[in-house]
Amino acid sequence: GMGKATAKLAIANDARVNIVGRSQDKLNRTLDELSSPNLTASQLDMTDQDAVQEFFRTQGDESIDGLIISASTAVHGTFAETETEDVKEMFNSKFFGPYRLARQALPKMRDGSAISFFSGVLSSRPSSYAGMPEAAREGMFASVAGSLPLKRVADAEDIAQAALFLTTNPFTTGHVLDVDGGHLIG
């Protein structure tokens, strides 16, 4: 939901937005839900080098003010249990996919434009909740919220506000912005 919330906030601030993703069904649902003349959608698998090159080639001469990359695939499990191919897929989506997008977008980026890469707090303090039953996951979220200075976990709109700030502030560059409710100090 972070990408959708970011697109919604950007549209509310008069931006023209092209959402991009692998699932045409998800893209169509987002187009229907946000329903804006300033919103378009394109299907693209950022792990496919040829598809990424073709995508930017077909975008014509239109320049880019901001590129926000929030998609990735995560692998959960112990080191001994995790298959090498699963880890390769994760690196392809968490590092090489965003790298491909940024490289191909670079010639189309306007002066003063921004590229924002998303990562999660798990990159700093790992834990694993995939596969947990819903009740256990909700209990974990409640426990985490209780340990944070803000006493809640983030919602997609919190992340969208940070993404829009990073994309529109002309004097912020090369910065890691932790939007974590105080998780790193807690």
N, C-alpha and C. Protein backbone atom coordinates (compact mmCIF):
# COMPACT_ATOMS: atom_id res chain seq x y z
N GLY A 1 0.78 -1.21 0.00
CA GLY A 1 0.00 0.00 0.00
C GLY A 1 0.82 1.27 0.00
N MET A 2 2.15 1.18 0.22
CA MET A 2 2.96 2.39 0.28
C MET A 2 3.02 3.09 -1.07
N GLY A 3 3.18 2.33 -2.13
CA GLY A 3 3.22 2.92 -3.46
C GLY A 3 1.91 3.59 -3.82
N LYS A 4 0.80 2.91 -3.51
CA LYS A 4 -0.52 3.48 -3.80
C LYS A 4 -0.75 4.75 -2.99
N ALA A 5 -0.40 4.72 -1.71
CA ALA A 5 -0.58 5.90 -0.87
C ALA A 5 0.29 7.06 -1.37
N THR A 6 1.48 6.75 -1.84
CA THR A 6 2.36 7.79 -2.38
C THR A 6 1.78 8.38 -3.66
N ALA A 7 1.27 7.51 -4.53
CA ALA A 7 0.64 8.00 -5.76
C ALA A 7 -0.57 8.88 -5.43
N LYS A 8 -1.38 8.47 -4.47
CA LYS A 8 -2.56 9.24 -4.08
C LYS A 8 -2.17 10.62 -3.56
N LEU A 9 -1.14 10.69 -2.72
CA LEU A 9 -0.70 11.96 -2.17
C LEU A 9 -0.08 12.84 -3.25
N ALA A 10 0.69 12.24 -4.15
CA ALA A 10 1.29 13.02 -5.23
C ALA A 10 0.21 13.60 -6.15
N ILE A 11 -0.81 12.83 -6.45
CA ILE A 11 -1.91 13.31 -7.28
C ILE A 11 -2.65 14.45 -6.58
N ALA A 12 -2.83 14.31 -5.27
CA ALA A 12 -3.48 15.37 -4.49
C ALA A 12 -2.67 16.67 -4.52
N ASN A 13 -1.37 16.54 -4.82
CA ASN A 13 -0.48 17.70 -4.93
C ASN A 13 -0.22 18.06 -6.39
N ASP A 14 -1.16 17.69 -7.26
CA ASP A 14 -1.16 18.04 -8.69
C ASP A 14 -0.03 17.43 -9.51
N ALA A 15 0.51 16.32 -9.07
CA ALA A 15 1.54 15.64 -9.87
C ALA A 15 0.89 14.70 -10.87
N ARG A 16 1.57 14.52 -11.99
CA ARG A 16 1.18 13.46 -12.93
C ARG A 16 1.98 12.23 -12.53
N VAL A 17 1.29 11.11 -12.37
CA VAL A 17 1.90 9.91 -11.80
C VAL A 17 1.70 8.73 -12.74
N ASN A 18 2.76 7.96 -12.94
CA ASN A 18 2.68 6.69 -13.65
C ASN A 18 3.07 5.61 -12.66
N ILE A 19 2.11 4.80 -12.25
CA ILE A 19 2.42 3.69 -11.36
C ILE A 19 2.86 2.52 -12.21
N VAL A 20 3.83 1.79 -11.71
CA VAL A 20 4.42 0.69 -12.48
C VAL A 20 4.49 -0.52 -11.57
N GLY A 21 4.13 -1.67 -12.12
CA GLY A 21 4.21 -2.90 -11.33
C GLY A 21 4.08 -4.13 -12.20
N ARG A 22 4.32 -5.29 -11.60
CA ARG A 22 4.25 -6.55 -12.33
C ARG A 22 2.82 -7.01 -12.58
N SER A 23 1.92 -6.74 -11.65
CA SER A 23 0.57 -7.28 -11.72
C SER A 23 -0.39 -6.29 -12.38
N GLN A 24 -0.86 -6.64 -13.55
CA GLN A 24 -1.82 -5.78 -14.24
C GLN A 24 -3.12 -5.66 -13.44
N ASP A 25 -3.51 -6.74 -12.75
CA ASP A 25 -4.73 -6.69 -11.92
C ASP A 25 -4.60 -5.65 -10.81
N LYS A 26 -3.46 -5.62 -10.12
CA LYS A 26 -3.25 -4.62 -9.05
C LYS A 26 -3.21 -3.21 -9.65
N LEU A 27 -2.57 -3.07 -10.78
CA LEU A 27 -2.53 -1.76 -11.43
C LEU A 27 -3.93 -1.29 -11.78
N ASN A 28 -4.74 -2.18 -12.34
CA ASN A 28 -6.12 -1.82 -12.71
C ASN A 28 -6.94 -1.44 -11.48
N ARG A 29 -6.78 -2.18 -10.38
CA ARG A 29 -7.51 -1.86 -9.15
C ARG A 29 -7.11 -0.48 -8.64
N THR A 30 -5.81 -0.17 -8.71
CA THR A 30 -5.35 1.14 -8.25
C THR A 30 -5.86 2.25 -9.15
N LEU A 31 -5.85 2.02 -10.46
CA LEU A 31 -6.41 3.01 -11.39
C LEU A 31 -7.87 3.28 -11.07
N ASP A 32 -8.63 2.21 -10.83
CA ASP A 32 -10.05 2.36 -10.50
C ASP A 32 -10.25 3.08 -9.17
N GLU A 33 -9.45 2.71 -8.18
CA GLU A 33 -9.61 3.28 -6.83
C GLU A 33 -9.23 4.76 -6.80
N LEU A 34 -8.13 5.13 -7.44
CA LEU A 34 -7.66 6.52 -7.38
C LEU A 34 -8.32 7.39 -8.44
N SER A 35 -8.74 6.80 -9.53
CA SER A 35 -9.51 7.45 -10.58
C SER A 35 -9.15 8.92 -10.79
N SER A 36 -8.05 9.15 -11.46
CA SER A 36 -7.59 10.51 -11.71
C SER A 36 -7.07 10.64 -13.14
N PRO A 37 -7.34 11.76 -13.78
CA PRO A 37 -6.77 11.98 -15.12
C PRO A 37 -5.25 12.15 -15.07
N ASN A 38 -4.69 12.39 -13.87
CA ASN A 38 -3.25 12.53 -13.71
C ASN A 38 -2.54 11.22 -13.40
N LEU A 39 -3.28 10.10 -13.52
CA LEU A 39 -2.72 8.80 -13.18
C LEU A 39 -2.75 7.87 -14.38
N THR A 40 -1.60 7.27 -14.67
CA THR A 40 -1.50 6.21 -15.67
C THR A 40 -0.81 5.02 -15.01
N ALA A 41 -0.86 3.90 -15.68
CA ALA A 41 -0.24 2.69 -15.14
C ALA A 41 0.47 1.94 -16.26
N SER A 42 1.58 1.32 -15.90
CA SER A 42 2.35 0.52 -16.85
C SER A 42 2.80 -0.76 -16.18
N GLN A 43 2.61 -1.87 -16.89
CA GLN A 43 3.05 -3.15 -16.37
C GLN A 43 4.53 -3.32 -16.69
N LEU A 44 5.32 -3.68 -15.68
CA LEU A 44 6.77 -3.84 -15.86
C LEU A 44 7.32 -4.71 -14.74
N ASP A 45 8.19 -5.62 -15.11
CA ASP A 45 8.93 -6.43 -14.14
C ASP A 45 10.35 -5.87 -14.08
N MET A 46 10.67 -5.19 -12.98
CA MET A 46 11.97 -4.52 -12.89
C MET A 46 13.12 -5.49 -12.79
N THR A 47 12.84 -6.78 -12.61
CA THR A 47 13.92 -7.76 -12.58
C THR A 47 14.31 -8.22 -13.97
N ASP A 48 13.60 -7.76 -15.00
CA ASP A 48 13.87 -8.12 -16.39
C ASP A 48 14.58 -6.95 -17.09
N GLN A 49 15.88 -7.07 -17.28
CA GLN A 49 16.70 -6.00 -17.86
C GLN A 49 16.15 -5.52 -19.20
N ASP A 50 15.81 -6.45 -20.09
CA ASP A 50 15.31 -6.07 -21.42
C ASP A 50 13.99 -5.32 -21.31
N ALA A 51 13.11 -5.76 -20.42
CA ALA A 51 11.82 -5.09 -20.25
C ALA A 51 12.01 -3.68 -19.71
N VAL A 52 12.95 -3.49 -18.79
CA VAL A 52 13.20 -2.16 -18.23
C VAL A 52 13.74 -1.23 -19.32
N GLN A 53 14.67 -1.71 -20.12
CA GLN A 53 15.19 -0.89 -21.22
C GLN A 53 14.09 -0.52 -22.20
N GLU A 54 13.25 -1.48 -22.56
CA GLU A 54 12.16 -1.22 -23.49
C GLU A 54 11.16 -0.24 -22.92
N PHE A 55 10.85 -0.38 -21.64
CA PHE A 55 9.92 0.54 -20.98
C PHE A 55 10.39 1.98 -21.13
N PHE A 56 11.63 2.26 -20.79
CA PHE A 56 12.11 3.64 -20.87
C PHE A 56 12.28 4.11 -22.32
N ARG A 57 12.58 3.18 -23.21
CA ARG A 57 12.68 3.55 -24.63
C ARG A 57 11.33 4.00 -25.16
N THR A 58 10.26 3.34 -24.72
CA THR A 58 8.92 3.66 -25.23
C THR A 58 8.27 4.85 -24.52
N GLN A 59 8.92 5.42 -23.52
CA GLN A 59 8.33 6.56 -22.81
C GLN A 59 8.53 7.87 -23.56
N GLY A 60 9.23 7.83 -24.67
CA GLY A 60 9.41 9.04 -25.47
C GLY A 60 10.33 10.03 -24.79
N ASP A 61 10.12 11.30 -25.09
CA ASP A 61 11.00 12.35 -24.59
C ASP A 61 10.55 12.93 -23.26
N GLU A 62 9.47 12.43 -22.71
CA GLU A 62 8.96 13.00 -21.46
C GLU A 62 9.99 12.83 -20.34
N SER A 63 10.23 13.93 -19.62
CA SER A 63 11.22 13.88 -18.55
C SER A 63 10.54 13.48 -17.24
N ILE A 64 11.38 13.11 -16.28
CA ILE A 64 10.92 12.58 -15.00
C ILE A 64 11.34 13.54 -13.90
N ASP A 65 10.39 13.92 -13.05
CA ASP A 65 10.69 14.75 -11.88
C ASP A 65 11.05 13.91 -10.66
N GLY A 66 10.48 12.73 -10.56
CA GLY A 66 10.75 11.89 -9.41
C GLY A 66 10.52 10.43 -9.73
N LEU A 67 11.39 9.58 -9.24
CA LEU A 67 11.26 8.14 -9.38
C LEU A 67 11.28 7.56 -7.97
N ILE A 68 10.19 6.92 -7.59
CA ILE A 68 10.07 6.34 -6.26
C ILE A 68 9.91 4.83 -6.43
N ILE A 69 10.85 4.09 -5.88
CA ILE A 69 10.88 2.64 -6.05
C ILE A 69 10.59 1.99 -4.71
N SER A 70 9.39 1.42 -4.59
CA SER A 70 8.99 0.82 -3.31
C SER A 70 8.83 -0.70 -3.40
N ALA A 71 8.84 -1.25 -4.57
CA ALA A 71 8.57 -2.68 -4.73
C ALA A 71 9.80 -3.53 -4.43
N SER A 72 9.56 -4.72 -3.91
CA SER A 72 10.62 -5.71 -3.74
C SER A 72 10.00 -7.01 -3.25
N THR A 73 10.82 -8.04 -3.28
CA THR A 73 10.42 -9.34 -2.79
C THR A 73 11.27 -9.65 -1.56
N ALA A 74 10.68 -10.19 -0.53
CA ALA A 74 11.43 -10.53 0.68
C ALA A 74 11.52 -12.04 0.82
N VAL A 75 12.58 -12.47 1.45
CA VAL A 75 12.78 -13.88 1.77
C VAL A 75 12.81 -13.99 3.28
N HIS A 76 12.07 -14.94 3.81
CA HIS A 76 12.02 -15.13 5.25
C HIS A 76 12.43 -16.55 5.58
N GLY A 77 13.08 -16.70 6.68
CA GLY A 77 13.52 -18.01 7.13
C GLY A 77 14.93 -17.92 7.67
N THR A 78 15.38 -19.02 8.22
CA THR A 78 16.74 -19.03 8.75
C THR A 78 17.75 -19.14 7.62
N PHE A 79 18.97 -18.77 7.93
CA PHE A 79 20.06 -18.84 6.95
C PHE A 79 20.18 -20.26 6.39
N ALA A 80 20.13 -21.26 7.25
CA ALA A 80 20.29 -22.65 6.82
C ALA A 80 19.12 -23.15 5.98
N GLU A 81 17.93 -22.60 6.19
CA GLU A 81 16.74 -23.07 5.48
C GLU A 81 16.50 -22.36 4.15
N THR A 82 17.05 -21.16 3.99
CA THR A 82 16.74 -20.35 2.82
C THR A 82 17.53 -20.84 1.60
N GLU A 83 16.80 -21.08 0.52
CA GLU A 83 17.42 -21.55 -0.71
C GLU A 83 18.16 -20.42 -1.42
N THR A 84 19.29 -20.75 -2.02
CA THR A 84 20.10 -19.76 -2.73
C THR A 84 19.30 -19.06 -3.82
N GLU A 85 18.47 -19.77 -4.55
CA GLU A 85 17.68 -19.16 -5.62
C GLU A 85 16.70 -18.12 -5.07
N ASP A 86 16.16 -18.39 -3.89
CA ASP A 86 15.26 -17.41 -3.26
C ASP A 86 16.00 -16.14 -2.87
N VAL A 87 17.23 -16.29 -2.39
CA VAL A 87 18.04 -15.14 -2.02
C VAL A 87 18.42 -14.35 -3.28
N LYS A 88 18.74 -15.06 -4.36
CA LYS A 88 19.04 -14.38 -5.63
C LYS A 88 17.84 -13.56 -6.12
N GLU A 89 16.64 -14.13 -6.01
CA GLU A 89 15.43 -13.41 -6.41
C GLU A 89 15.23 -12.16 -5.55
N MET A 90 15.50 -12.30 -4.24
CA MET A 90 15.36 -11.15 -3.36
C MET A 90 16.35 -10.05 -3.75
N PHE A 91 17.61 -10.40 -3.98
CA PHE A 91 18.60 -9.39 -4.38
C PHE A 91 18.24 -8.78 -5.73
N ASN A 92 17.67 -9.58 -6.62
CA ASN A 92 17.26 -9.05 -7.92
C ASN A 92 16.17 -8.00 -7.75
N SER A 93 15.26 -8.21 -6.79
CA SER A 93 14.18 -7.24 -6.60
C SER A 93 14.55 -6.11 -5.66
N LYS A 94 15.39 -6.36 -4.67
CA LYS A 94 15.73 -5.33 -3.68
C LYS A 94 16.91 -4.47 -4.10
N PHE A 95 17.82 -5.01 -4.91
CA PHE A 95 18.97 -4.22 -5.32
C PHE A 95 19.03 -4.04 -6.84
N PHE A 96 19.14 -5.13 -7.58
CA PHE A 96 19.36 -5.00 -9.02
C PHE A 96 18.17 -4.43 -9.77
N GLY A 97 16.94 -4.73 -9.36
CA GLY A 97 15.77 -4.14 -10.00
C GLY A 97 15.75 -2.63 -9.85
N PRO A 98 15.83 -2.11 -8.63
CA PRO A 98 15.90 -0.65 -8.47
C PRO A 98 17.12 -0.04 -9.17
N TYR A 99 18.24 -0.73 -9.15
CA TYR A 99 19.44 -0.26 -9.85
C TYR A 99 19.16 -0.10 -11.34
N ARG A 100 18.52 -1.14 -11.94
CA ARG A 100 18.16 -1.07 -13.37
C ARG A 100 17.25 0.11 -13.65
N LEU A 101 16.21 0.27 -12.83
CA LEU A 101 15.27 1.37 -13.04
C LEU A 101 15.97 2.72 -12.96
N ALA A 102 16.78 2.91 -11.94
CA ALA A 102 17.47 4.19 -11.77
C ALA A 102 18.43 4.47 -12.92
N ARG A 103 19.16 3.46 -13.35
CA ARG A 103 20.10 3.65 -14.47
C ARG A 103 19.38 4.04 -15.75
N GLN A 104 18.29 3.37 -16.03
CA GLN A 104 17.56 3.66 -17.27
C GLN A 104 16.82 4.99 -17.18
N ALA A 105 16.38 5.37 -15.97
CA ALA A 105 15.67 6.63 -15.80
C ALA A 105 16.60 7.83 -15.83
N LEU A 106 17.83 7.63 -15.45
CA LEU A 106 18.77 8.75 -15.29
C LEU A 106 18.82 9.72 -16.46
N PRO A 107 18.89 9.25 -17.71
CA PRO A 107 18.92 10.22 -18.82
C PRO A 107 17.64 11.05 -18.97
N LYS A 108 16.55 10.57 -18.39
CA LYS A 108 15.27 11.28 -18.50
C LYS A 108 14.98 12.17 -17.29
N MET A 109 15.84 12.12 -16.29
CA MET A 109 15.62 12.88 -15.07
C MET A 109 15.94 14.35 -15.32
N ARG A 110 15.01 15.22 -14.89
CA ARG A 110 15.22 16.67 -14.98
C ARG A 110 16.24 17.11 -13.94
N ASP A 111 16.87 18.26 -14.17
CA ASP A 111 17.72 18.84 -13.13
C ASP A 111 16.86 19.09 -11.90
N GLY A 112 17.37 18.71 -10.75
CA GLY A 112 16.63 18.88 -9.51
C GLY A 112 15.65 17.77 -9.21
N SER A 113 15.60 16.74 -10.06
CA SER A 113 14.68 15.63 -9.81
C SER A 113 15.28 14.68 -8.78
N ALA A 114 14.49 13.70 -8.37
CA ALA A 114 14.93 12.82 -7.28
C ALA A 114 14.60 11.37 -7.56
N ILE A 115 15.44 10.49 -7.03
CA ILE A 115 15.17 9.06 -7.02
C ILE A 115 15.15 8.63 -5.57
N SER A 116 14.08 7.96 -5.15
CA SER A 116 13.96 7.47 -3.77
C SER A 116 13.84 5.96 -3.80
N PHE A 117 14.71 5.32 -3.04
CA PHE A 117 14.69 3.87 -2.88
C PHE A 117 14.11 3.54 -1.52
N PHE A 118 13.17 2.61 -1.47
CA PHE A 118 12.57 2.19 -0.21
C PHE A 118 13.33 0.98 0.34
N SER A 119 13.42 0.94 1.63
CA SER A 119 13.87 -0.23 2.35
C SER A 119 13.07 -0.23 3.64
N GLY A 120 13.14 -1.27 4.38
CA GLY A 120 12.38 -1.31 5.62
C GLY A 120 13.29 -1.30 6.83
N VAL A 121 12.70 -1.12 7.97
CA VAL A 121 13.45 -1.11 9.22
C VAL A 121 14.13 -2.47 9.43
N LEU A 122 13.61 -3.50 8.79
CA LEU A 122 14.21 -4.82 8.94
C LEU A 122 15.63 -4.87 8.39
N SER A 123 15.99 -3.90 7.53
CA SER A 123 17.36 -3.87 7.03
C SER A 123 18.33 -3.49 8.14
N SER A 124 17.85 -2.83 9.19
CA SER A 124 18.69 -2.43 10.31
C SER A 124 18.54 -3.34 11.52
N ARG A 125 17.31 -3.75 11.78
CA ARG A 125 17.04 -4.64 12.91
C ARG A 125 16.14 -5.76 12.43
N PRO A 126 16.74 -6.84 11.90
CA PRO A 126 15.94 -7.90 11.29
C PRO A 126 15.03 -8.64 12.27
N SER A 127 13.89 -9.04 11.76
CA SER A 127 12.98 -9.98 12.41
C SER A 127 12.15 -10.58 11.29
N SER A 128 11.38 -11.61 11.57
CA SER A 128 10.60 -12.26 10.51
C SER A 128 9.18 -12.52 10.98
N TYR A 129 8.17 -12.00 10.24
CA TYR A 129 6.79 -12.26 10.62
C TYR A 129 6.01 -12.89 9.49
N ALA A 130 6.67 -13.18 8.37
CA ALA A 130 5.97 -13.84 7.26
C ALA A 130 5.56 -15.24 7.71
N GLY A 131 4.40 -15.63 7.32
CA GLY A 131 3.91 -16.94 7.66
C GLY A 131 3.27 -17.03 9.04
N MET A 132 3.32 -15.94 9.80
CA MET A 132 2.67 -15.94 11.11
C MET A 132 1.16 -15.96 10.92
N PRO A 133 0.45 -16.62 11.79
CA PRO A 133 -1.01 -16.49 11.75
C PRO A 133 -1.41 -15.03 11.98
N GLU A 134 -2.53 -14.62 11.44
CA GLU A 134 -2.97 -13.22 11.51
C GLU A 134 -3.02 -12.71 12.95
N ALA A 135 -3.53 -13.50 13.86
CA ALA A 135 -3.64 -13.06 15.26
C ALA A 135 -2.26 -12.83 15.87
N ALA A 136 -1.32 -13.70 15.56
CA ALA A 136 0.05 -13.54 16.08
C ALA A 136 0.71 -12.30 15.48
N ARG A 137 0.48 -12.06 14.20
CA ARG A 137 1.04 -10.88 13.54
C ARG A 137 0.47 -9.60 14.15
N GLU A 138 -0.84 -9.57 14.36
CA GLU A 138 -1.47 -8.40 14.99
C GLU A 138 -0.93 -8.19 16.40
N GLY A 139 -0.72 -9.28 17.12
CA GLY A 139 -0.13 -9.18 18.45
C GLY A 139 1.28 -8.63 18.40
N MET A 140 2.06 -9.08 17.39
CA MET A 140 3.42 -8.57 17.23
C MET A 140 3.39 -7.08 16.92
N PHE A 141 2.50 -6.64 16.02
CA PHE A 141 2.38 -5.22 15.70
C PHE A 141 2.00 -4.40 16.93
N ALA A 142 1.09 -4.93 17.74
CA ALA A 142 0.69 -4.23 18.96
C ALA A 142 1.87 -4.12 19.93
N SER A 143 2.66 -5.19 20.02
CA SER A 143 3.83 -5.17 20.90
C SER A 143 4.86 -4.17 20.41
N VAL A 144 5.12 -4.17 19.08
CA VAL A 144 6.06 -3.21 18.51
C VAL A 144 5.56 -1.79 18.74
N ALA A 145 4.29 -1.55 18.49
CA ALA A 145 3.72 -0.21 18.69
C ALA A 145 3.92 0.23 20.13
N GLY A 146 3.71 -0.66 21.08
CA GLY A 146 3.87 -0.32 22.48
C GLY A 146 5.30 0.04 22.85
N SER A 147 6.26 -0.48 22.10
CA SER A 147 7.67 -0.20 22.41
C SER A 147 8.19 1.07 21.73
N LEU A 148 7.41 1.63 20.80
CA LEU A 148 7.85 2.81 20.07
C LEU A 148 7.48 4.09 20.80
N PRO A 149 8.30 5.11 20.66
CA PRO A 149 7.95 6.40 21.27
C PRO A 149 6.61 6.94 20.79
N LEU A 150 6.23 6.67 19.53
CA LEU A 150 4.95 7.16 19.01
C LEU A 150 3.78 6.25 19.32
N LYS A 151 4.05 5.08 19.89
CA LYS A 151 3.03 4.13 20.34
C LYS A 151 2.10 3.63 19.24
N ARG A 152 2.61 3.56 18.01
CA ARG A 152 1.86 2.97 16.90
C ARG A 152 2.82 2.57 15.80
N VAL A 153 2.38 1.68 14.93
CA VAL A 153 3.18 1.35 13.75
C VAL A 153 2.74 2.26 12.62
N ALA A 154 3.61 2.43 11.65
CA ALA A 154 3.32 3.33 10.53
C ALA A 154 2.21 2.77 9.66
N ASP A 155 1.49 3.69 9.03
CA ASP A 155 0.58 3.27 7.97
C ASP A 155 1.14 3.78 6.66
N ALA A 156 0.54 3.38 5.58
CA ALA A 156 1.05 3.71 4.24
C ALA A 156 1.13 5.22 4.02
N GLU A 157 0.21 5.97 4.60
CA GLU A 157 0.21 7.42 4.42
C GLU A 157 1.42 8.08 5.09
N ASP A 158 1.90 7.52 6.21
CA ASP A 158 3.11 8.04 6.85
C ASP A 158 4.30 7.93 5.90
N ILE A 159 4.39 6.81 5.24
CA ILE A 159 5.50 6.56 4.31
C ILE A 159 5.34 7.44 3.08
N ALA A 160 4.12 7.61 2.60
CA ALA A 160 3.87 8.45 1.42
C ALA A 160 4.32 9.89 1.67
N GLN A 161 4.05 10.42 2.86
CA GLN A 161 4.47 11.78 3.16
C GLN A 161 5.99 11.92 3.10
N ALA A 162 6.69 10.92 3.60
CA ALA A 162 8.16 10.96 3.55
C ALA A 162 8.65 10.86 2.11
N ALA A 163 8.04 9.99 1.32
CA ALA A 163 8.44 9.84 -0.08
C ALA A 163 8.22 11.12 -0.86
N LEU A 164 7.09 11.77 -0.63
CA LEU A 164 6.81 13.02 -1.33
C LEU A 164 7.79 14.12 -0.90
N PHE A 165 8.12 14.16 0.39
CA PHE A 165 9.12 15.12 0.86
C PHE A 165 10.45 14.90 0.14
N LEU A 166 10.91 13.64 0.09
CA LEU A 166 12.20 13.37 -0.54
C LEU A 166 12.19 13.68 -2.03
N THR A 167 11.04 13.53 -2.66
CA THR A 167 10.93 13.78 -4.09
C THR A 167 10.84 15.26 -4.41
N THR A 168 10.27 16.04 -3.52
CA THR A 168 10.02 17.44 -3.85
C THR A 168 10.96 18.44 -3.19
N ASN A 169 11.71 18.02 -2.17
CA ASN A 169 12.62 18.96 -1.51
C ASN A 169 13.90 19.08 -2.31
N PRO A 170 14.19 20.27 -2.87
CA PRO A 170 15.33 20.41 -3.76
C PRO A 170 16.69 20.41 -3.06
N PHE A 171 16.71 20.43 -1.72
CA PHE A 171 17.98 20.51 -1.03
C PHE A 171 18.25 19.27 -0.17
N THR A 172 17.54 18.20 -0.45
CA THR A 172 17.77 16.94 0.26
C THR A 172 18.32 15.94 -0.75
N THR A 173 19.52 15.46 -0.49
CA THR A 173 20.13 14.49 -1.39
C THR A 173 21.07 13.57 -0.61
N GLY A 174 21.18 12.35 -1.08
CA GLY A 174 22.08 11.40 -0.45
C GLY A 174 21.76 11.10 0.99
N HIS A 175 20.50 11.15 1.33
CA HIS A 175 20.08 11.03 2.72
C HIS A 175 19.31 9.73 2.95
N VAL A 176 19.53 9.12 4.08
CA VAL A 176 18.71 7.99 4.52
C VAL A 176 17.72 8.54 5.54
N LEU A 177 16.46 8.42 5.22
CA LEU A 177 15.41 8.93 6.10
C LEU A 177 14.71 7.74 6.75
N ASP A 178 14.89 7.59 8.04
CA ASP A 178 14.24 6.51 8.77
C ASP A 178 12.87 6.98 9.23
N VAL A 179 11.84 6.41 8.65
CA VAL A 179 10.45 6.71 9.04
C VAL A 179 10.01 5.48 9.83
N ASP A 180 10.35 5.49 11.11
CA ASP A 180 10.24 4.25 11.90
C ASP A 180 9.58 4.43 13.25
N GLY A 181 9.01 5.60 13.51
CA GLY A 181 8.35 5.82 14.79
C GLY A 181 9.28 5.75 15.99
N GLY A 182 10.58 5.87 15.73
CA GLY A 182 11.57 5.80 16.80
C GLY A 182 12.12 4.40 17.02
N HIS A 183 11.88 3.48 16.10
CA HIS A 183 12.30 2.08 16.23
C HIS A 183 13.80 1.95 16.47
N LEU A 184 14.59 2.73 15.77
CA LEU A 184 16.05 2.59 15.90
C LEU A 184 16.58 3.09 17.23
N ILE A 185 15.84 3.98 17.89
CA ILE A 185 16.29 4.47 19.19
C ILE A 185 15.59 3.75 20.33
N GLY A 186 14.51 3.00 19.99
CA GLY A 186 13.73 2.31 21.01
C GLY A 186 14.40 1.12 21.49
